[in-house]
Amino acid sequence: MILNKNLILAENQAVTATAISENVIQWPETGIVPLDAAQITRNIGSGTPVPMLMQVVEDFATLTSLTITIETADNAALSSNAVVLSSSGAIPLASLKAGFRPTFTRHVPDATMKDFFGVRFTVTGTNATAGKISAAVATEVNS
C-alpha cells in the first residue's frame, strides 16, 4: 500500500466526539475549457477507481454507534454547501474493533467535487472514551 502524506485525511485520529477528519483535502482550481469558457467539472472518482483506505486502529469504547460520511464542501470546515457523497450508516460499537474496515469506502465516490473533500465522524449515544481511525486516498489498498 502506498500513501501520499497530502492525501491522508485521518492518521490514528482519536474520535471521541462528532468531528471532521483532522485533514481535509483542498483540490486545485479546475480552470475553464479552452475555446468554450465553461468551468471544468471536478470528478476525482470518475474513470479508473481511486482507492480509499479507512480502518479502525484502536478499539472504540462507550459510544452506541459511529456513522462515517465522505463529504465535499466549499470550505475546509465542511460546513458551507456540504454534500454527503457516501455514508456508512450507523456502525455499532461491537464492530468498531482494531482492524475493522467499513465496506462503503473502497473507492473515492464517482461524483462532482467541490473545493474541499474530507470525512465526518458522527458519534451516536455517549461520547467515546477510546477509539481511533485512519483514512486516506491511496494508490492501492491491501485486502
Protein backbone atom coordinates (compact mmCIF):
# COMPACT_ATOMS: atom_id res chain seq x y z
CA MET A 1 0.00 0.00 0.00
CA ILE A 2 1.37 3.41 -0.95
CA LEU A 3 0.13 6.54 0.82
CA ASN A 4 0.78 10.17 -0.04
CA LYS A 5 1.01 12.40 3.06
CA ASN A 6 -1.09 15.05 1.28
CA LEU A 7 -3.95 12.57 0.81
CA ILE A 8 -4.15 11.30 4.41
CA LEU A 9 -7.41 12.53 5.93
CA ALA A 10 -7.04 10.97 9.38
CA GLU A 11 -3.91 9.36 10.81
CA ASN A 12 -4.66 7.47 14.02
CA GLN A 13 -7.25 10.16 14.76
CA ALA A 14 -8.96 9.82 18.13
CA VAL A 15 -12.70 10.05 17.56
CA THR A 16 -14.26 10.69 20.95
CA ALA A 17 -17.00 13.08 19.75
CA THR A 18 -18.56 14.11 16.45
CA ALA A 19 -15.84 15.70 14.30
CA ILE A 20 -14.42 16.02 10.80
CA SER A 21 -11.15 14.41 9.74
CA GLU A 22 -8.04 16.15 11.05
CA ASN A 23 -7.02 16.85 7.45
CA VAL A 24 -9.26 17.99 4.62
CA ILE A 25 -8.05 17.90 1.02
CA GLN A 26 -8.32 21.11 -0.99
CA TRP A 27 -8.46 20.24 -4.67
CA PRO A 28 -6.64 22.53 -7.12
CA GLU A 29 -8.56 25.04 -9.20
CA THR A 30 -10.20 23.47 -12.24
CA GLY A 31 -9.98 26.28 -14.77
CA ILE A 32 -12.09 26.58 -17.90
CA VAL A 33 -12.48 24.60 -21.10
CA PRO A 34 -10.40 26.26 -23.85
CA LEU A 35 -12.49 27.99 -26.54
CA ASP A 36 -15.67 27.33 -24.54
CA ALA A 37 -15.34 29.37 -21.32
CA ALA A 38 -17.25 26.67 -19.41
CA GLN A 39 -15.94 25.69 -15.97
CA ILE A 40 -14.34 22.23 -15.88
CA THR A 41 -16.24 19.82 -13.63
CA ARG A 42 -14.12 18.16 -10.94
CA ASN A 43 -14.85 14.43 -10.56
CA ILE A 44 -11.98 12.60 -8.90
CA GLY A 45 -13.80 9.24 -8.74
CA SER A 46 -14.69 9.03 -12.42
CA GLY A 47 -12.90 6.56 -14.70
CA THR A 48 -10.34 4.32 -13.01
CA PRO A 49 -11.46 3.73 -9.39
CA VAL A 50 -9.37 5.68 -6.87
CA PRO A 51 -8.90 3.53 -3.73
CA MET A 52 -9.68 4.79 -0.23
CA LEU A 53 -8.38 3.27 2.97
CA MET A 54 -10.45 3.61 6.12
CA GLN A 55 -9.65 1.47 9.13
CA VAL A 56 -10.25 1.41 12.87
CA VAL A 57 -6.80 1.36 14.51
CA GLU A 58 -7.90 1.33 18.18
CA ASP A 59 -10.99 -0.30 19.68
CA PHE A 60 -13.83 2.10 20.43
CA ALA A 61 -15.50 2.25 23.84
CA THR A 62 -18.77 3.60 25.33
CA LEU A 63 -20.46 5.06 22.23
CA THR A 64 -23.58 3.41 20.80
CA SER A 65 -22.57 3.69 17.15
CA LEU A 66 -20.50 5.70 14.70
CA THR A 67 -21.57 6.99 11.29
CA ILE A 68 -18.84 7.89 8.82
CA THR A 69 -19.59 10.12 5.85
CA ILE A 70 -17.41 11.16 2.94
CA GLU A 71 -18.18 14.79 2.13
CA THR A 72 -17.31 17.63 -0.18
CA ALA A 73 -17.92 21.31 0.54
CA ASP A 74 -16.98 24.88 -0.32
CA ASN A 75 -14.85 25.32 2.83
CA ALA A 76 -12.32 23.36 4.91
CA ALA A 77 -14.76 23.02 7.84
CA LEU A 78 -17.06 21.03 5.50
CA SER A 79 -19.90 23.33 6.57
CA SER A 80 -20.56 25.51 3.52
CA ASN A 81 -22.78 23.84 0.90
CA ALA A 82 -21.66 20.42 2.14
CA VAL A 83 -22.70 17.37 0.15
CA VAL A 84 -22.56 13.82 1.54
CA LEU A 85 -21.05 11.62 -1.16
CA SER A 86 -21.24 8.35 0.75
CA SER A 87 -22.33 7.16 4.20
CA SER A 88 -21.55 4.10 6.28
CA GLY A 89 -24.85 4.19 8.11
CA ALA A 90 -24.66 3.50 11.84
CA ILE A 91 -21.78 1.14 12.68
CA PRO A 92 -22.47 -0.49 16.08
CA LEU A 93 -19.86 -0.43 18.85
CA ALA A 94 -19.39 -4.21 18.60
CA SER A 95 -17.96 -3.76 15.07
CA LEU A 96 -15.62 -0.88 15.92
CA LYS A 97 -12.60 -3.01 16.77
CA ALA A 98 -9.00 -2.51 15.59
CA GLY A 99 -8.64 -3.78 12.03
CA PHE A 100 -12.28 -3.15 11.03
CA ARG A 101 -12.65 -1.57 7.59
CA PRO A 102 -16.05 -0.14 6.64
CA THR A 103 -17.02 -1.57 3.25
CA PHE A 104 -18.73 1.57 1.93
CA THR A 105 -15.38 3.30 1.38
CA ARG A 106 -13.45 1.12 -1.04
CA HIS A 107 -13.11 3.96 -3.59
CA VAL A 108 -13.50 7.73 -3.85
CA PRO A 109 -17.15 8.26 -4.87
CA ASP A 110 -17.89 8.99 -8.53
CA ALA A 111 -19.37 12.45 -8.01
CA THR A 112 -18.80 16.11 -8.76
CA MET A 113 -16.44 17.52 -6.14
CA LYS A 114 -16.47 20.95 -4.58
CA ASP A 115 -13.22 22.61 -3.47
CA PHE A 116 -12.76 20.55 -0.28
CA PHE A 117 -13.00 16.81 0.45
CA GLY A 118 -13.00 15.11 3.84
CA VAL A 119 -14.58 12.69 6.27
CA ARG A 120 -17.07 13.33 9.08
CA PHE A 121 -17.35 11.04 12.10
CA THR A 122 -20.75 11.27 13.85
CA VAL A 123 -20.98 9.70 17.30
CA THR A 124 -24.36 8.40 18.50
CA GLY A 125 -25.04 7.93 22.19
CA THR A 126 -22.41 8.77 24.80
CA ASN A 127 -19.15 10.22 23.50
CA ALA A 128 -16.45 7.60 23.04
CA THR A 129 -13.76 7.23 25.70
CA ALA A 130 -11.46 5.43 23.26
CA GLY A 131 -11.23 4.75 19.55
CA LYS A 132 -9.03 5.81 16.63
CA ILE A 133 -9.41 5.73 12.85
CA SER A 134 -7.10 6.22 9.88
CA ALA A 135 -8.44 7.32 6.49
CA ALA A 136 -6.68 8.19 3.23
CA VAL A 137 -6.96 8.33 -0.52
CA ALA A 138 -4.44 5.67 -1.62
CA THR A 139 -2.87 4.24 -4.75
CA GLU A 140 -3.75 0.72 -3.68
CA VAL A 141 -5.28 -0.85 -0.60
CA ASN A 142 -4.27 -4.29 0.64
CA SER A 143 -7.09 -6.70 1.47
